[in-house]
PDB file of N, CA and C in Angstrom:
ATOM      1  N   MET A   1       0.966 -20.207  24.461  1.00  0.00           N
ATOM      2  CA  MET A   1       1.364 -19.583  23.485  1.00  0.00           C
ATOM      3  C   MET A   1       0.477 -17.663  23.698  1.00  0.00           C
ATOM      4  N   ASN A   2       0.645 -16.721  23.904  1.00  0.00           N
ATOM      5  CA  ASN A   2       0.007 -15.607  24.459  1.00  0.00           C
ATOM      6  C   ASN A   2      -0.408 -14.806  22.817  1.00  0.00           C
ATOM      7  N   ILE A   3      -1.193 -14.263  22.532  1.00  0.00           N
ATOM      8  CA  ILE A   3      -1.408 -13.209  21.155  1.00  0.00           C
ATOM      9  C   ILE A   3       0.149 -12.731  21.038  1.00  0.00           C
ATOM     10  N   TYR A   4       0.590 -12.401  21.461  1.00  0.00           N
ATOM     11  CA  TYR A   4       1.399 -11.363  21.217  1.00  0.00           C
ATOM     12  C   TYR A   4       2.630 -12.247  20.474  1.00  0.00           C
ATOM     13  N   THR A   5       3.219 -13.621  20.476  1.00  0.00           N
ATOM     14  CA  THR A   5       4.164 -14.070  20.281  1.00  0.00           C
ATOM     15  C   THR A   5       3.189 -14.975  18.885  1.00  0.00           C
ATOM     16  N   LYS A   6       2.247 -15.120  18.978  1.00  0.00           N
ATOM     17  CA  LYS A   6       1.421 -15.714  17.619  1.00  0.00           C
ATOM     18  C   LYS A   6       1.859 -14.561  16.937  1.00  0.00           C
ATOM     19  N   LEU A   7       1.437 -13.858  17.152  1.00  0.00           N
ATOM     20  CA  LEU A   7       1.419 -12.070  15.978  1.00  0.00           C
ATOM     21  C   LEU A   7       2.987 -11.853  15.374  1.00  0.00           C
ATOM     22  N   LEU A   8       3.533 -12.114  16.502  1.00  0.00           N
ATOM     23  CA  LEU A   8       5.370 -11.723  15.751  1.00  0.00           C
ATOM     24  C   LEU A   8       5.472 -13.140  15.269  1.00  0.00           C
ATOM     25  N   ILE A   9       5.276 -14.012  15.127  1.00  0.00           N
ATOM     26  CA  ILE A   9       5.446 -15.682  14.357  1.00  0.00           C
ATOM     27  C   ILE A   9       4.720 -14.996  13.167  1.00  0.00           C
ATOM     28  N   GLY A  10       3.690 -14.728  13.118  1.00  0.00           N
ATOM     29  CA  GLY A  10       2.857 -14.961  11.942  1.00  0.00           C
ATOM     30  C   GLY A  10       3.311 -13.462  10.912  1.00  0.00           C
ATOM     31  N   ILE A  11       4.070 -12.096  11.664  1.00  0.00           N
ATOM     32  CA  ILE A  11       4.192 -11.267  11.032  1.00  0.00           C
ATOM     33  C   ILE A  11       5.886 -11.623  10.549  1.00  0.00           C
ATOM     34  N   ILE A  12       6.764 -12.176  11.231  1.00  0.00           N
ATOM     35  CA  ILE A  12       7.816 -13.088  10.367  1.00  0.00           C
ATOM     36  C   ILE A  12       7.886 -13.666   9.613  1.00  0.00           C
ATOM     37  N   SER A  13       6.822 -14.684   9.428  1.00  0.00           N
ATOM     38  CA  SER A  13       6.615 -15.066   8.503  1.00  0.00           C
ATOM     39  C   SER A  13       6.031 -14.961   6.667  1.00  0.00           C
ATOM     40  N   ILE A  14       5.505 -13.727   7.445  1.00  0.00           N
ATOM     41  CA  ILE A  14       4.456 -13.180   6.391  1.00  0.00           C
ATOM     42  C   ILE A  14       5.841 -11.921   5.726  1.00  0.00           C
ATOM     43  N   THR A  15       6.549 -11.890   6.445  1.00  0.00           N
ATOM     44  CA  THR A  15       7.689 -10.995   5.730  1.00  0.00           C
ATOM     45  C   THR A  15       8.645 -11.650   4.759  1.00  0.00           C
ATOM     46  N   GLY A  16       8.979 -13.090   5.537  1.00  0.00           N
ATOM     47  CA  GLY A  16       9.737 -13.472   4.902  1.00  0.00           C
ATOM     48  C   GLY A  16       9.489 -14.815   3.607  1.00  0.00           C
ATOM     49  N   LEU A  17       8.279 -14.664   3.255  1.00  0.00           N
ATOM     50  CA  LEU A  17       7.274 -15.154   2.326  1.00  0.00           C
ATOM     51  C   LEU A  17       7.550 -13.572   0.970  1.00  0.00           C
ATOM     52  N   LEU A  18       7.334 -12.466   1.474  1.00  0.00           N
ATOM     53  CA  LEU A  18       7.435 -11.261   0.526  1.00  0.00           C
ATOM     54  C   LEU A  18       8.522 -11.272   0.380  1.00  0.00           C
ATOM     55  N   LEU A  19       9.513 -11.351   1.034  1.00  0.00           N
ATOM     56  CA  LEU A  19      11.355 -10.696   0.716  1.00  0.00           C
ATOM     57  C   LEU A  19      11.552 -11.850  -0.333  1.00  0.00           C
ATOM     58  N   ALA A  20      11.197 -13.003  -0.097  1.00  0.00           N
ATOM     59  CA  ALA A  20      11.430 -14.516  -0.681  1.00  0.00           C
ATOM     60  C   ALA A  20      11.134 -14.456  -2.269  1.00  0.00           C
ATOM     61  N   GLN A  21       9.657 -13.587  -2.460  1.00  0.00           N
ATOM     62  CA  GLN A  21       9.264 -13.692  -3.747  1.00  0.00           C
ATOM     63  C   GLN A  21       9.942 -12.511  -4.525  1.00  0.00           C
ATOM     64  N   GLY A  22      10.579 -11.813  -3.538  1.00  0.00           N
ATOM     65  CA  GLY A  22      10.968 -10.261  -4.573  1.00  0.00           C
ATOM     66  C   GLY A  22      10.150  -9.202  -5.240  1.00  0.00           C
ATOM     67  N   VAL A  23       8.875  -8.982  -3.974  1.00  0.00           N
ATOM     68  CA  VAL A  23       8.487  -8.104  -4.611  1.00  0.00           C
ATOM     69  C   VAL A  23       8.900  -6.262  -4.411  1.00  0.00           C
ATOM     70  N   GLY A  24       8.995  -5.838  -5.573  1.00  0.00           N
ATOM     71  CA  GLY A  24       9.325  -4.952  -5.486  1.00  0.00           C
ATOM     72  C   GLY A  24       8.187  -3.276  -4.625  1.00  0.00           C
ATOM     73  N   PHE A  25       9.096  -2.590  -4.565  1.00  0.00           N
ATOM     74  CA  PHE A  25       8.356  -1.016  -3.773  1.00  0.00           C
ATOM     75  C   PHE A  25       8.095  -0.325  -5.277  1.00  0.00           C
ATOM     76  N   PRO A  26       7.303   0.081  -4.947  1.00  0.00           N
ATOM     77  CA  PRO A  26       6.650   1.212  -6.778  1.00  0.00           C
ATOM     78  C   PRO A  26       7.334   2.368  -6.341  1.00  0.00           C
ATOM     79  N   ASP A  27       7.488   3.108  -7.617  1.00  0.00           N
ATOM     80  CA  ASP A  27       8.386   4.325  -7.826  1.00  0.00           C
ATOM     81  C   ASP A  27       7.806   5.770  -7.067  1.00  0.00           C
ATOM     82  N   ALA A  28       8.356   6.238  -6.729  1.00  0.00           N
ATOM     83  CA  ALA A  28       7.867   7.577  -6.095  1.00  0.00           C
ATOM     84  C   ALA A  28       6.449   8.262  -7.403  1.00  0.00           C
ATOM     85  N   PRO A  29       5.060   8.639  -6.608  1.00  0.00           N
ATOM     86  CA  PRO A  29       4.942   9.746  -7.806  1.00  0.00           C
ATOM     87  C   PRO A  29       4.923  10.872  -7.850  1.00  0.00           C
ATOM     88  N   SER A  30       4.598  11.470  -9.368  1.00  0.00           N
ATOM     89  CA  SER A  30       5.340  12.514 -10.129  1.00  0.00           C
ATOM     90  C   SER A  30       4.555  13.761  -9.084  1.00  0.00           C
ATOM     91  N   GLN A  31       5.280  14.347  -9.077  1.00  0.00           N
ATOM     92  CA  GLN A  31       4.350  15.581  -8.437  1.00  0.00           C
ATOM     93  C   GLN A  31       4.029  16.732  -9.366  1.00  0.00           C
ATOM     94  N   ALA A  32       2.698  17.123  -9.053  1.00  0.00           N
ATOM     95  CA  ALA A  32       2.076  17.872  -9.298  1.00  0.00           C
ATOM     96  C   ALA A  32       1.434  19.244  -8.297  1.00  0.00           C
ATOM     97  N   PRO A  33       1.678  20.181  -9.417  1.00  0.00           N
ATOM     98  CA  PRO A  33       0.897  21.763  -7.788  1.00  0.00           C
ATOM     99  C   PRO A  33      -0.694  21.363  -7.455  1.00  0.00           C
ATOM    100  N   ILE A  34      -0.777  22.034  -6.209  1.00  0.00           N
ATOM    101  CA  ILE A  34      -2.227  21.633  -6.177  1.00  0.00           C
ATOM    102  C   ILE A  34      -2.763  23.534  -5.634  1.00  0.00           C
ATOM    103  N   GLY A  35      -3.049  23.348  -6.469  1.00  0.00           N
ATOM    104  CA  GLY A  35      -3.574  25.001  -6.634  1.00  0.00           C
ATOM    105  C   GLY A  35      -4.858  25.642  -5.424  1.00  0.00           C
ATOM    106  N   GLY A  36      -4.656  26.959  -5.369  1.00  0.00           N
ATOM    107  CA  GLY A  36      -5.673  27.127  -4.275  1.00  0.00           C
ATOM    108  C   GLY A  36      -5.298  26.337  -2.875  1.00  0.00           C
ATOM    109  N   LEU A  37      -4.612  25.710  -2.675  1.00  0.00           N
ATOM    110  CA  LEU A  37      -4.033  25.172  -1.006  1.00  0.00           C
ATOM    111  C   LEU A  37      -4.272  25.983  -0.380  1.00  0.00           C
ATOM    112  N   GLU A  38      -3.559  27.404  -0.322  1.00  0.00           N
ATOM    113  CA  GLU A  38      -3.478  28.472   0.406  1.00  0.00           C
ATOM    114  C   GLU A  38      -5.142  29.231   0.882  1.00  0.00           C
ATOM    115  N   LEU A  39      -5.953  29.120  -0.110  1.00  0.00           N
ATOM    116  CA  LEU A  39      -7.061  29.459  -0.105  1.00  0.00           C
ATOM    117  C   LEU A  39      -8.035  28.782   1.284  1.00  0.00           C
ATOM    118  N   LEU A  40      -7.706  27.247   0.804  1.00  0.00           N
ATOM    119  CA  LEU A  40      -8.437  26.522   1.290  1.00  0.00           C
ATOM    120  C   LEU A  40      -8.090  26.359   2.907  1.00  0.00           C
ATOM    121  N   ILE A  41      -6.543  26.971   3.464  1.00  0.00           N
ATOM    122  CA  ILE A  41      -5.903  26.605   4.769  1.00  0.00           C
ATOM    123  C   ILE A  41      -6.858  27.948   5.133  1.00  0.00           C
ATOM    124  N   GLY A  42      -6.302  28.900   4.498  1.00  0.00           N
ATOM    125  CA  GLY A  42      -7.130  30.109   5.034  1.00  0.00           C
ATOM    126  C   GLY A  42      -8.588  30.288   5.678  1.00  0.00           C
ATOM    127  N   ALA A  43      -9.616  30.032   4.507  1.00  0.00           N
ATOM    128  CA  ALA A  43     -10.572  29.418   4.582  1.00  0.00           C
ATOM    129  C   ALA A  43     -10.906  28.866   6.423  1.00  0.00           C
ATOM    130  N   GLY A  44     -10.599  27.435   6.321  1.00  0.00           N
ATOM    131  CA  GLY A  44     -10.137  26.553   7.046  1.00  0.00           C
ATOM    132  C   GLY A  44      -9.504  26.976   8.537  1.00  0.00           C
ATOM    133  N   GLY A  45      -8.790  28.624   8.463  1.00  0.00           N
ATOM    134  CA  GLY A  45      -8.714  28.684   9.987  1.00  0.00           C
ATOM    135  C   GLY A  45      -9.712  29.763  10.199  1.00  0.00           C
ATOM    136  N   ALA A  46      -9.708  30.619   9.410  1.00  0.00           N
ATOM    137  CA  ALA A  46     -11.422  31.529   9.689  1.00  0.00           C
ATOM    138  C   ALA A  46     -12.401  31.166   9.978  1.00  0.00           C
ATOM    139  N   MET A  47     -12.556  29.542   9.909  1.00  0.00           N
ATOM    140  CA  MET A  47     -13.343  28.999   9.901  1.00  0.00           C
ATOM    141  C   MET A  47     -13.745  28.819  11.723  1.00  0.00           C
ATOM    142  N   ALA A  48     -12.125  28.337  12.147  1.00  0.00           N
ATOM    143  CA  ALA A  48     -11.938  27.945  13.288  1.00  0.00           C
ATOM    144  C   ALA A  48     -11.795  28.420  13.964  1.00  0.00           C
ATOM    145  N   TRP A  49     -11.468  30.122  13.504  1.00  0.00           N
ATOM    146  CA  TRP A  49     -11.402  31.707  14.379  1.00  0.00           C
ATOM    147  C   TRP A  49     -12.415  31.884  14.835  1.00  0.00           C
ATOM    148  N   LYS A  50     -13.795  31.659  14.072  1.00  0.00           N
ATOM    149  CA  LYS A  50     -14.677  32.454  14.187  1.00  0.00           C
ATOM    150  C   LYS A  50     -15.610  31.571  15.524  1.00  0.00           C
ATOM    151  N   LYS A  51     -15.365  30.021  14.722  1.00  0.00           N
ATOM    152  CA  LYS A  51     -15.557  29.001  16.273  1.00  0.00           C
ATOM    153  C   LYS A  51     -14.933  29.673  17.281  1.00  0.00           C
ATOM    154  N   LEU A  52     -14.325  29.696  17.625  1.00  0.00           N
ATOM    155  CA  LEU A  52     -13.238  29.456  18.685  1.00  0.00           C
ATOM    156  C   LEU A  52     -13.991  31.126  19.834  1.00  0.00           C
ATOM    157  N   ARG A  53     -13.876  32.009  18.751  1.00  0.00           N
ATOM    158  CA  ARG A  53     -14.506  33.740  19.512  1.00  0.00           C
ATOM    159  C   ARG A  53     -15.860  33.191  20.052  1.00  0.00           C
ATOM    160  N   ARG A  54     -17.072  32.401  19.189  1.00  0.00           N
ATOM    161  CA  ARG A  54     -18.190  32.099  19.637  1.00  0.00           C
ATOM    162  C   ARG A  54     -18.502  31.261  20.652  1.00  0.00           C
ATOM    163  N   ASN A  55     -17.883  30.563  20.781  1.00  0.00           N
ATOM    164  CA  ASN A  55     -17.585  29.350  22.038  1.00  0.00           C
ATOM    165  C   ASN A  55     -17.230  30.316  23.262  1.00  0.00           C
ATOM    166  N   ASN A  56     -16.339  31.358  22.905  1.00  0.00           N
ATOM    167  CA  ASN A  56     -15.831  32.091  24.233  1.00  0.00           C
ATOM    168  C   ASN A  56     -16.734  32.908  24.780  1.00  0.00           C
ATOM    169  N   LYS A  57     -17.498  32.943  24.364  1.00  0.00           N
ATOM    170  CA  LYS A  57     -19.256  34.378  24.511  1.00  0.00           C
ATOM    171  C   LYS A  57     -19.810  33.578  25.632  1.00  0.00           C
TER     172      LYS A  57
END
């Protein structure tokens, strides 16, 4: 048996055990606004533009 066959058998057996135990998935997290994200994106874009401009010279 090669490694792919062993890996496939292992994944199938672990999946079968998890489903047999009734493992549930958690609920979706509550969403919260992220303040200042636009400023962070703008600052990152400005830094990248400056670096590209400096490297082209």
